[in-house]
Amino acid sequence: MSTYMVMLPPEAEGRSLTPAMAQRAVFVRDGFSTPALVFTGIWMLVHRLWLPFLAYLTLSLVLELIAQNFIQSAPGVVAFLTGVLIGLESGNLRRWSLERKGWIFAGVVTGQDREEAELRFFNAYRPAQRPVETPAAPQPQGFVPRFGREQVIGLTLSGSGFAGSGFTGESAR
């Protein structure tokens, strides 16, 4: 089973999904990406990950400059480890890039393959409803327990055996 993060186009926010929007939905597979490991820079360009590509390019150049002055084998090892990291985080990089462009994270779905994940998602999809404003909660009436000058939130300790003069707001006798 694979897990997919579903990204909907910006115009889908709070609306029912039209066939055109469904066609543009992107299912980003979560997990390790071998092409991202082997062809790191090319993979980033194909998926239009411009900022991560610039960061990768900068890191590669810095490592190359360090290698010329110090250890010769270190840049190869670090480049490989960078590729592994990008392979592991490939799905999150794609999701982050789409969110920066205004795409909406619609949910997570699992399936044997992408086609099954699409079927599961579109059969269960309901657009997010805008929250309805609710009136403010009524203020408590009567005795409000205090600890020193601070108001106690949650359980009160009176009658539990732990109550002292500071817990109930009453003076000690």
N, C-alpha and C. Protein backbone atom coordinates (compact mmCIF):
# COMPACT_ATOMS: atom_id res chain seq x y z
N MET A 1 0.84 -1.19 0.00
CA MET A 1 0.00 0.00 0.00
C MET A 1 0.88 1.24 0.00
N SER A 2 0.54 2.17 -0.84
CA SER A 2 1.23 3.45 -0.88
C SER A 2 0.33 4.52 -0.30
N THR A 3 0.95 5.53 0.24
CA THR A 3 0.23 6.67 0.80
C THR A 3 0.45 7.86 -0.11
N TYR A 4 -0.62 8.59 -0.39
CA TYR A 4 -0.56 9.75 -1.26
C TYR A 4 -1.12 10.97 -0.55
N MET A 5 -0.48 12.11 -0.74
CA MET A 5 -1.00 13.38 -0.26
C MET A 5 -1.72 14.02 -1.43
N VAL A 6 -2.95 14.45 -1.23
CA VAL A 6 -3.77 14.99 -2.31
C VAL A 6 -3.74 16.51 -2.26
N MET A 7 -3.37 17.11 -3.39
CA MET A 7 -3.31 18.57 -3.51
C MET A 7 -4.32 19.00 -4.56
N LEU A 8 -5.19 19.94 -4.19
CA LEU A 8 -6.19 20.46 -5.11
C LEU A 8 -5.79 21.85 -5.57
N PRO A 9 -6.21 22.24 -6.79
CA PRO A 9 -5.84 23.57 -7.30
C PRO A 9 -6.44 24.68 -6.43
N PRO A 10 -5.85 25.87 -6.49
CA PRO A 10 -6.30 26.97 -5.62
C PRO A 10 -7.79 27.31 -5.74
N GLU A 11 -8.37 27.16 -6.92
CA GLU A 11 -9.77 27.54 -7.11
C GLU A 11 -10.74 26.56 -6.44
N ALA A 12 -10.26 25.46 -5.86
CA ALA A 12 -11.12 24.46 -5.23
C ALA A 12 -11.45 24.78 -3.78
N GLU A 13 -10.92 25.84 -3.23
CA GLU A 13 -11.09 26.11 -1.80
C GLU A 13 -12.55 26.40 -1.44
N GLY A 14 -13.10 25.54 -0.56
CA GLY A 14 -14.45 25.73 -0.04
C GLY A 14 -15.56 25.49 -1.05
N ARG A 15 -15.24 24.95 -2.22
CA ARG A 15 -16.26 24.71 -3.24
C ARG A 15 -16.34 23.23 -3.55
N SER A 16 -17.44 22.85 -4.17
CA SER A 16 -17.53 21.45 -4.60
C SER A 16 -16.60 21.25 -5.78
N LEU A 17 -16.11 20.06 -5.91
CA LEU A 17 -15.10 19.74 -6.91
C LEU A 17 -15.73 19.54 -8.28
N THR A 18 -15.28 20.33 -9.26
CA THR A 18 -15.76 20.17 -10.64
C THR A 18 -14.85 19.17 -11.36
N PRO A 19 -15.30 18.63 -12.48
CA PRO A 19 -14.44 17.70 -13.22
C PRO A 19 -13.11 18.33 -13.66
N ALA A 20 -13.12 19.62 -13.99
CA ALA A 20 -11.88 20.28 -14.38
C ALA A 20 -10.90 20.35 -13.21
N MET A 21 -11.42 20.65 -12.01
CA MET A 21 -10.56 20.69 -10.83
C MET A 21 -10.07 19.30 -10.47
N ALA A 22 -10.92 18.29 -10.66
CA ALA A 22 -10.52 16.92 -10.36
C ALA A 22 -9.41 16.46 -11.30
N GLN A 23 -9.45 16.91 -12.55
CA GLN A 23 -8.40 16.56 -13.49
C GLN A 23 -7.06 17.17 -13.10
N ARG A 24 -7.09 18.35 -12.48
CA ARG A 24 -5.86 19.03 -12.08
C ARG A 24 -5.33 18.58 -10.72
N ALA A 25 -6.09 17.80 -9.97
CA ALA A 25 -5.64 17.33 -8.65
C ALA A 25 -4.33 16.57 -8.79
N VAL A 26 -3.44 16.79 -7.82
CA VAL A 26 -2.13 16.14 -7.84
C VAL A 26 -2.06 15.17 -6.66
N PHE A 27 -1.69 13.93 -6.95
CA PHE A 27 -1.50 12.92 -5.93
C PHE A 27 0.00 12.73 -5.76
N VAL A 28 0.54 13.18 -4.64
CA VAL A 28 1.97 13.13 -4.37
C VAL A 28 2.24 11.91 -3.50
N ARG A 29 3.01 10.97 -4.03
CA ARG A 29 3.31 9.74 -3.29
C ARG A 29 4.27 10.05 -2.14
N ASP A 30 3.91 9.56 -0.97
CA ASP A 30 4.76 9.74 0.21
C ASP A 30 5.66 8.53 0.34
N GLY A 31 6.93 8.76 0.48
CA GLY A 31 7.88 7.66 0.60
C GLY A 31 9.15 7.96 -0.19
N PHE A 32 10.04 7.00 -0.20
CA PHE A 32 11.33 7.17 -0.85
C PHE A 32 11.18 7.20 -2.37
N SER A 33 11.91 8.11 -3.02
CA SER A 33 11.88 8.23 -4.47
C SER A 33 13.27 7.92 -5.02
N THR A 34 13.40 6.80 -5.71
CA THR A 34 14.69 6.42 -6.30
C THR A 34 15.14 7.41 -7.37
N PRO A 35 14.26 7.89 -8.27
CA PRO A 35 14.71 8.89 -9.24
C PRO A 35 15.24 10.16 -8.58
N ALA A 36 14.67 10.55 -7.44
CA ALA A 36 15.17 11.73 -6.73
C ALA A 36 16.56 11.49 -6.17
N LEU A 37 16.88 10.24 -5.83
CA LEU A 37 18.23 9.90 -5.35
C LEU A 37 19.23 9.90 -6.50
N VAL A 38 18.88 9.22 -7.58
CA VAL A 38 19.83 9.02 -8.68
C VAL A 38 20.01 10.29 -9.52
N PHE A 39 18.91 10.97 -9.84
CA PHE A 39 18.96 12.17 -10.69
C PHE A 39 18.45 13.37 -9.92
N THR A 40 19.10 13.72 -8.83
CA THR A 40 18.58 14.72 -7.89
C THR A 40 18.26 16.04 -8.56
N GLY A 41 19.22 16.67 -9.21
CA GLY A 41 18.99 17.98 -9.82
C GLY A 41 17.97 17.92 -10.94
N ILE A 42 18.07 16.93 -11.80
CA ILE A 42 17.13 16.80 -12.91
C ILE A 42 15.73 16.53 -12.38
N TRP A 43 15.62 15.68 -11.36
CA TRP A 43 14.32 15.39 -10.77
C TRP A 43 13.68 16.66 -10.24
N MET A 44 14.47 17.52 -9.58
CA MET A 44 13.92 18.77 -9.05
C MET A 44 13.45 19.69 -10.18
N LEU A 45 14.19 19.75 -11.26
CA LEU A 45 13.79 20.61 -12.38
C LEU A 45 12.53 20.07 -13.06
N VAL A 46 12.43 18.76 -13.22
CA VAL A 46 11.24 18.16 -13.85
C VAL A 46 9.99 18.47 -13.02
N HIS A 47 10.12 18.46 -11.70
CA HIS A 47 8.97 18.71 -10.82
C HIS A 47 8.83 20.18 -10.45
N ARG A 48 9.61 21.03 -11.10
CA ARG A 48 9.53 22.50 -10.93
C ARG A 48 9.75 22.93 -9.48
N LEU A 49 10.72 22.33 -8.84
CA LEU A 49 11.08 22.68 -7.46
C LEU A 49 12.24 23.66 -7.51
N TRP A 50 11.95 24.90 -7.85
CA TRP A 50 13.00 25.89 -8.12
C TRP A 50 13.81 26.23 -6.86
N LEU A 51 13.16 26.55 -5.76
CA LEU A 51 13.90 26.92 -4.55
C LEU A 51 14.72 25.77 -3.98
N PRO A 52 14.15 24.58 -3.86
CA PRO A 52 14.99 23.46 -3.41
C PRO A 52 16.15 23.17 -4.37
N PHE A 53 15.93 23.38 -5.67
CA PHE A 53 17.01 23.17 -6.62
C PHE A 53 18.13 24.18 -6.40
N LEU A 54 17.77 25.44 -6.18
CA LEU A 54 18.80 26.46 -5.91
C LEU A 54 19.57 26.14 -4.63
N ALA A 55 18.87 25.67 -3.60
CA ALA A 55 19.54 25.30 -2.35
C ALA A 55 20.47 24.10 -2.59
N TYR A 56 20.01 23.12 -3.36
CA TYR A 56 20.83 21.95 -3.69
C TYR A 56 22.06 22.36 -4.49
N LEU A 57 21.87 23.25 -5.46
CA LEU A 57 22.98 23.72 -6.28
C LEU A 57 23.99 24.48 -5.43
N THR A 58 23.53 25.33 -4.55
CA THR A 58 24.42 26.09 -3.66
C THR A 58 25.20 25.14 -2.75
N LEU A 59 24.52 24.16 -2.17
CA LEU A 59 25.19 23.19 -1.32
C LEU A 59 26.25 22.42 -2.09
N SER A 60 25.93 22.03 -3.31
CA SER A 60 26.89 21.29 -4.14
C SER A 60 28.12 22.13 -4.44
N LEU A 61 27.93 23.40 -4.76
CA LEU A 61 29.06 24.28 -5.04
C LEU A 61 29.94 24.49 -3.82
N VAL A 62 29.31 24.68 -2.66
CA VAL A 62 30.07 24.86 -1.42
C VAL A 62 30.87 23.60 -1.11
N LEU A 63 30.27 22.45 -1.28
CA LEU A 63 30.98 21.19 -1.04
C LEU A 63 32.15 21.01 -2.00
N GLU A 64 31.97 21.42 -3.23
CA GLU A 64 33.05 21.31 -4.21
C GLU A 64 34.22 22.23 -3.85
N LEU A 65 33.91 23.43 -3.37
CA LEU A 65 34.98 24.34 -2.94
C LEU A 65 35.71 23.81 -1.72
N ILE A 66 34.98 23.22 -0.79
CA ILE A 66 35.61 22.62 0.39
C ILE A 66 36.51 21.46 -0.03
N ALA A 67 36.06 20.68 -0.99
CA ALA A 67 36.83 19.50 -1.44
C ALA A 67 38.14 19.90 -2.09
N GLN A 68 38.16 21.01 -2.79
CA GLN A 68 39.40 21.44 -3.44
C GLN A 68 40.47 21.82 -2.43
N ASN A 69 40.06 22.29 -1.27
CA ASN A 69 41.03 22.74 -0.27
C ASN A 69 41.33 21.71 0.81
N PHE A 70 40.44 20.75 1.02
CA PHE A 70 40.63 19.83 2.12
C PHE A 70 40.59 18.38 1.65
N ILE A 71 39.62 17.65 2.10
CA ILE A 71 39.52 16.21 1.85
C ILE A 71 38.90 15.97 0.48
N GLN A 72 39.50 15.06 -0.29
CA GLN A 72 39.04 14.81 -1.65
C GLN A 72 37.81 13.90 -1.71
N SER A 73 37.65 12.97 -0.79
CA SER A 73 36.55 12.02 -0.87
C SER A 73 35.28 12.49 -0.16
N ALA A 74 35.36 13.52 0.64
CA ALA A 74 34.20 13.98 1.42
C ALA A 74 33.04 14.47 0.55
N PRO A 75 33.27 15.22 -0.54
CA PRO A 75 32.11 15.73 -1.30
C PRO A 75 31.27 14.61 -1.92
N GLY A 76 31.89 13.54 -2.35
CA GLY A 76 31.14 12.42 -2.91
C GLY A 76 30.22 11.80 -1.88
N VAL A 77 30.74 11.62 -0.67
CA VAL A 77 29.93 11.03 0.41
C VAL A 77 28.81 11.97 0.79
N VAL A 78 29.11 13.25 0.92
CA VAL A 78 28.09 14.23 1.31
C VAL A 78 27.05 14.39 0.20
N ALA A 79 27.48 14.37 -1.07
CA ALA A 79 26.53 14.46 -2.18
C ALA A 79 25.59 13.26 -2.19
N PHE A 80 26.13 12.08 -1.90
CA PHE A 80 25.29 10.89 -1.83
C PHE A 80 24.29 11.00 -0.69
N LEU A 81 24.76 11.44 0.47
CA LEU A 81 23.86 11.58 1.62
C LEU A 81 22.80 12.66 1.37
N THR A 82 23.18 13.72 0.65
CA THR A 82 22.20 14.74 0.28
C THR A 82 21.15 14.15 -0.65
N GLY A 83 21.59 13.32 -1.60
CA GLY A 83 20.65 12.65 -2.50
C GLY A 83 19.70 11.74 -1.76
N VAL A 84 20.23 11.01 -0.76
CA VAL A 84 19.37 10.14 0.06
C VAL A 84 18.34 10.99 0.81
N LEU A 85 18.78 12.10 1.39
CA LEU A 85 17.85 12.98 2.11
C LEU A 85 16.76 13.50 1.18
N ILE A 86 17.14 13.92 -0.01
CA ILE A 86 16.15 14.43 -0.96
C ILE A 86 15.23 13.30 -1.42
N GLY A 87 15.79 12.09 -1.59
CA GLY A 87 14.95 10.94 -1.94
C GLY A 87 13.92 10.65 -0.86
N LEU A 88 14.31 10.79 0.41
CA LEU A 88 13.38 10.56 1.52
C LEU A 88 12.32 11.65 1.63
N GLU A 89 12.72 12.88 1.36
CA GLU A 89 11.82 14.02 1.53
C GLU A 89 11.20 14.50 0.23
N SER A 90 11.28 13.71 -0.83
CA SER A 90 10.81 14.14 -2.14
C SER A 90 9.33 14.52 -2.13
N GLY A 91 8.49 13.72 -1.51
CA GLY A 91 7.06 14.02 -1.45
C GLY A 91 6.78 15.30 -0.71
N ASN A 92 7.47 15.51 0.42
CA ASN A 92 7.27 16.74 1.19
C ASN A 92 7.75 17.96 0.44
N LEU A 93 8.83 17.84 -0.34
CA LEU A 93 9.31 18.96 -1.15
C LEU A 93 8.27 19.33 -2.21
N ARG A 94 7.69 18.34 -2.85
CA ARG A 94 6.66 18.61 -3.87
C ARG A 94 5.43 19.25 -3.23
N ARG A 95 4.99 18.71 -2.09
CA ARG A 95 3.82 19.27 -1.41
C ARG A 95 4.08 20.71 -0.98
N TRP A 96 5.26 20.98 -0.43
CA TRP A 96 5.62 22.33 0.01
C TRP A 96 5.62 23.29 -1.17
N SER A 97 6.16 22.85 -2.28
CA SER A 97 6.21 23.70 -3.47
C SER A 97 4.80 24.01 -3.98
N LEU A 98 3.93 23.01 -3.99
CA LEU A 98 2.55 23.25 -4.43
C LEU A 98 1.81 24.17 -3.47
N GLU A 99 2.02 24.01 -2.17
CA GLU A 99 1.37 24.88 -1.19
C GLU A 99 1.83 26.33 -1.35
N ARG A 100 3.08 26.54 -1.68
CA ARG A 100 3.58 27.90 -1.91
C ARG A 100 2.89 28.54 -3.11
N LYS A 101 2.44 27.73 -4.05
CA LYS A 101 1.74 28.23 -5.24
C LYS A 101 0.25 28.39 -5.01
N GLY A 102 -0.22 28.10 -3.80
CA GLY A 102 -1.63 28.28 -3.46
C GLY A 102 -2.47 27.02 -3.52
N TRP A 103 -1.86 25.89 -3.82
CA TRP A 103 -2.61 24.64 -3.87
C TRP A 103 -3.05 24.26 -2.47
N ILE A 104 -4.14 23.51 -2.38
CA ILE A 104 -4.75 23.19 -1.10
C ILE A 104 -4.50 21.73 -0.76
N PHE A 105 -3.98 21.49 0.44
CA PHE A 105 -3.79 20.12 0.92
C PHE A 105 -5.17 19.59 1.30
N ALA A 106 -5.65 18.58 0.53
CA ALA A 106 -7.02 18.09 0.72
C ALA A 106 -7.08 16.86 1.61
N GLY A 107 -5.97 16.16 1.79
CA GLY A 107 -6.01 14.98 2.64
C GLY A 107 -4.98 13.95 2.24
N VAL A 108 -5.04 12.83 2.93
CA VAL A 108 -4.14 11.72 2.70
C VAL A 108 -4.99 10.51 2.37
N VAL A 109 -4.56 9.74 1.38
CA VAL A 109 -5.30 8.56 0.97
C VAL A 109 -4.30 7.44 0.66
N THR A 110 -4.72 6.20 0.89
CA THR A 110 -3.86 5.05 0.60
C THR A 110 -4.47 4.20 -0.49
N GLY A 111 -3.62 3.46 -1.17
CA GLY A 111 -4.08 2.56 -2.21
C GLY A 111 -2.93 1.72 -2.72
N GLN A 112 -3.26 0.63 -3.42
CA GLN A 112 -2.21 -0.21 -3.99
C GLN A 112 -1.41 0.55 -5.04
N ASP A 113 -2.08 1.42 -5.79
CA ASP A 113 -1.42 2.26 -6.78
C ASP A 113 -2.15 3.61 -6.82
N ARG A 114 -1.70 4.47 -7.70
CA ARG A 114 -2.28 5.81 -7.76
C ARG A 114 -3.75 5.76 -8.20
N GLU A 115 -4.07 4.89 -9.11
CA GLU A 115 -5.44 4.79 -9.61
C GLU A 115 -6.42 4.43 -8.49
N GLU A 116 -6.04 3.45 -7.67
CA GLU A 116 -6.90 3.07 -6.54
C GLU A 116 -7.01 4.21 -5.53
N ALA A 117 -5.92 4.92 -5.30
CA ALA A 117 -5.94 6.05 -4.38
C ALA A 117 -6.86 7.15 -4.90
N GLU A 118 -6.85 7.40 -6.22
CA GLU A 118 -7.75 8.39 -6.79
C GLU A 118 -9.21 7.98 -6.60
N LEU A 119 -9.51 6.72 -6.86
CA LEU A 119 -10.89 6.25 -6.67
C LEU A 119 -11.34 6.41 -5.23
N ARG A 120 -10.49 6.02 -4.30
CA ARG A 120 -10.85 6.15 -2.88
C ARG A 120 -11.07 7.61 -2.49
N PHE A 121 -10.19 8.48 -2.96
CA PHE A 121 -10.29 9.89 -2.58
C PHE A 121 -11.56 10.52 -3.15
N PHE A 122 -11.80 10.36 -4.45
CA PHE A 122 -12.95 11.04 -5.06
C PHE A 122 -14.28 10.45 -4.63
N ASN A 123 -14.31 9.20 -4.20
CA ASN A 123 -15.54 8.62 -3.67
C ASN A 123 -15.87 9.17 -2.29
N ALA A 124 -14.86 9.56 -1.52
CA ALA A 124 -15.07 10.02 -0.15
C ALA A 124 -14.93 11.53 0.01
N TYR A 125 -14.57 12.26 -1.05
CA TYR A 125 -14.26 13.69 -0.91
C TYR A 125 -15.50 14.52 -0.61
N ARG A 126 -15.37 15.36 0.39
CA ARG A 126 -16.36 16.38 0.72
C ARG A 126 -15.58 17.67 0.92
N PRO A 127 -15.99 18.76 0.27
CA PRO A 127 -15.24 20.01 0.44
C PRO A 127 -15.28 20.49 1.89
N ALA A 128 -14.20 21.13 2.30
CA ALA A 128 -14.12 21.67 3.65
C ALA A 128 -15.12 22.82 3.79
N GLN A 129 -15.89 22.78 4.83
CA GLN A 129 -16.87 23.82 5.08
C GLN A 129 -16.21 24.96 5.84
N ARG A 130 -16.62 26.16 5.53
CA ARG A 130 -16.12 27.30 6.28
C ARG A 130 -16.71 27.26 7.67
N PRO A 131 -15.92 27.54 8.69
CA PRO A 131 -16.45 27.45 10.06
C PRO A 131 -17.54 28.49 10.31
N VAL A 132 -18.56 28.06 11.02
CA VAL A 132 -19.65 28.95 11.39
C VAL A 132 -19.28 29.64 12.69
N GLU A 133 -19.48 30.94 12.73
CA GLU A 133 -19.15 31.67 13.95
C GLU A 133 -20.15 31.32 15.04
N THR A 134 -19.63 30.96 16.19
CA THR A 134 -20.49 30.63 17.32
C THR A 134 -20.40 31.75 18.33
N PRO A 135 -21.46 31.95 19.08
CA PRO A 135 -21.40 33.00 20.09
C PRO A 135 -20.38 32.65 21.17
N ALA A 136 -19.91 33.68 21.85
CA ALA A 136 -18.91 33.47 22.90
C ALA A 136 -19.51 32.64 24.03
N ALA A 137 -18.66 31.85 24.65
CA ALA A 137 -19.09 31.01 25.76
C ALA A 137 -19.50 31.90 26.94
N PRO A 138 -20.55 31.49 27.66
CA PRO A 138 -20.98 32.31 28.81
C PRO A 138 -19.91 32.30 29.90
N GLN A 139 -19.80 33.40 30.60
CA GLN A 139 -18.85 33.52 31.69
C GLN A 139 -19.37 32.75 32.90
N PRO A 140 -18.47 32.10 33.64
CA PRO A 140 -18.92 31.33 34.82
C PRO A 140 -19.52 32.26 35.88
N GLN A 141 -20.56 31.76 36.51
CA GLN A 141 -21.22 32.52 37.56
C GLN A 141 -20.84 31.96 38.92
N GLY A 142 -20.82 32.77 39.91
CA GLY A 142 -20.57 32.30 41.27
C GLY A 142 -19.10 32.31 41.62
N PHE A 143 -18.73 31.37 42.49
CA PHE A 143 -17.38 31.31 43.03
C PHE A 143 -16.38 30.85 41.97
N VAL A 144 -15.29 31.61 41.78
CA VAL A 144 -14.22 31.24 40.85
C VAL A 144 -12.99 30.92 41.69
N PRO A 145 -12.54 29.66 41.67
CA PRO A 145 -11.38 29.30 42.49
C PRO A 145 -10.12 30.01 42.04
N ARG A 146 -9.26 30.31 43.01
CA ARG A 146 -8.01 31.00 42.72
C ARG A 146 -6.86 30.33 43.46
N PHE A 147 -5.72 30.42 42.87
CA PHE A 147 -4.48 29.98 43.49
C PHE A 147 -3.60 31.21 43.57
N GLY A 148 -3.52 31.80 44.76
CA GLY A 148 -2.85 33.09 44.88
C GLY A 148 -3.67 34.12 44.14
N ARG A 149 -3.04 34.81 43.20
CA ARG A 149 -3.77 35.79 42.40
C ARG A 149 -4.24 35.21 41.06
N GLU A 150 -3.81 34.02 40.72
CA GLU A 150 -4.15 33.39 39.45
C GLU A 150 -5.48 32.65 39.55
N GLN A 151 -6.27 32.74 38.49
CA GLN A 151 -7.53 32.03 38.42
C GLN A 151 -7.24 30.57 38.06
N VAL A 152 -7.88 29.62 38.75
CA VAL A 152 -7.68 28.21 38.50
C VAL A 152 -8.54 27.80 37.31
N ILE A 153 -7.91 27.13 36.36
CA ILE A 153 -8.64 26.65 35.18
C ILE A 153 -8.71 25.14 35.29
N GLY A 154 -9.89 24.59 35.13
CA GLY A 154 -10.04 23.14 35.19
C GLY A 154 -10.60 22.69 36.52
N LEU A 155 -10.03 21.63 37.06
CA LEU A 155 -10.54 21.04 38.29
C LEU A 155 -10.17 21.88 39.50
N THR A 156 -11.07 21.92 40.45
CA THR A 156 -10.74 22.57 41.71
C THR A 156 -10.31 21.50 42.69
N LEU A 157 -9.55 21.89 43.67
CA LEU A 157 -9.00 20.93 44.61
C LEU A 157 -9.73 20.90 45.94
N SER A 158 -10.77 21.71 46.10
CA SER A 158 -11.47 21.72 47.38
C SER A 158 -12.20 20.40 47.59
N GLY A 159 -12.11 19.86 48.80
CA GLY A 159 -12.76 18.61 49.12
C GLY A 159 -11.96 17.39 48.72
N SER A 160 -10.78 17.58 48.15
CA SER A 160 -10.00 16.43 47.70
C SER A 160 -8.91 16.04 48.69
N GLY A 161 -8.75 16.81 49.74
CA GLY A 161 -7.70 16.51 50.70
C GLY A 161 -6.42 17.29 50.40
N PHE A 162 -6.35 17.86 49.20
CA PHE A 162 -5.17 18.64 48.83
C PHE A 162 -5.42 20.13 48.99
N ALA A 163 -6.62 20.49 49.31
CA ALA A 163 -6.97 21.89 49.38
C ALA A 163 -6.30 22.54 50.58
N GLY A 164 -5.70 23.63 50.33
CA GLY A 164 -5.11 24.42 51.39
C GLY A 164 -5.68 25.82 51.31
N SER A 165 -5.15 26.72 52.07
CA SER A 165 -5.72 28.06 52.07
C SER A 165 -5.53 28.75 50.72
N GLY A 166 -4.48 28.41 49.98
CA GLY A 166 -4.25 29.08 48.70
C GLY A 166 -5.05 28.51 47.57
N PHE A 167 -5.56 27.28 47.71
CA PHE A 167 -6.24 26.64 46.60
C PHE A 167 -7.70 27.02 46.49
N THR A 168 -8.38 27.29 47.56
CA THR A 168 -9.82 27.51 47.50
C THR A 168 -10.19 28.97 47.57
N GLY A 169 -9.27 29.82 47.85
CA GLY A 169 -9.59 31.24 47.97
C GLY A 169 -10.09 31.60 49.34
N GLU A 170 -10.21 30.64 50.26
CA GLU A 170 -10.67 30.91 51.61
C GLU A 170 -9.45 31.08 52.51
N SER A 171 -9.61 31.82 53.54
CA SER A 171 -8.50 32.00 54.48
C SER A 171 -8.40 30.80 55.41
N ALA A 172 -7.20 30.49 55.82
CA ALA A 172 -6.97 29.37 56.75
C ALA A 172 -7.47 29.72 58.12
N ARG A 173 -8.03 28.76 58.83
CA ARG A 173 -8.55 29.02 60.18
C ARG A 173 -7.70 28.45 61.22
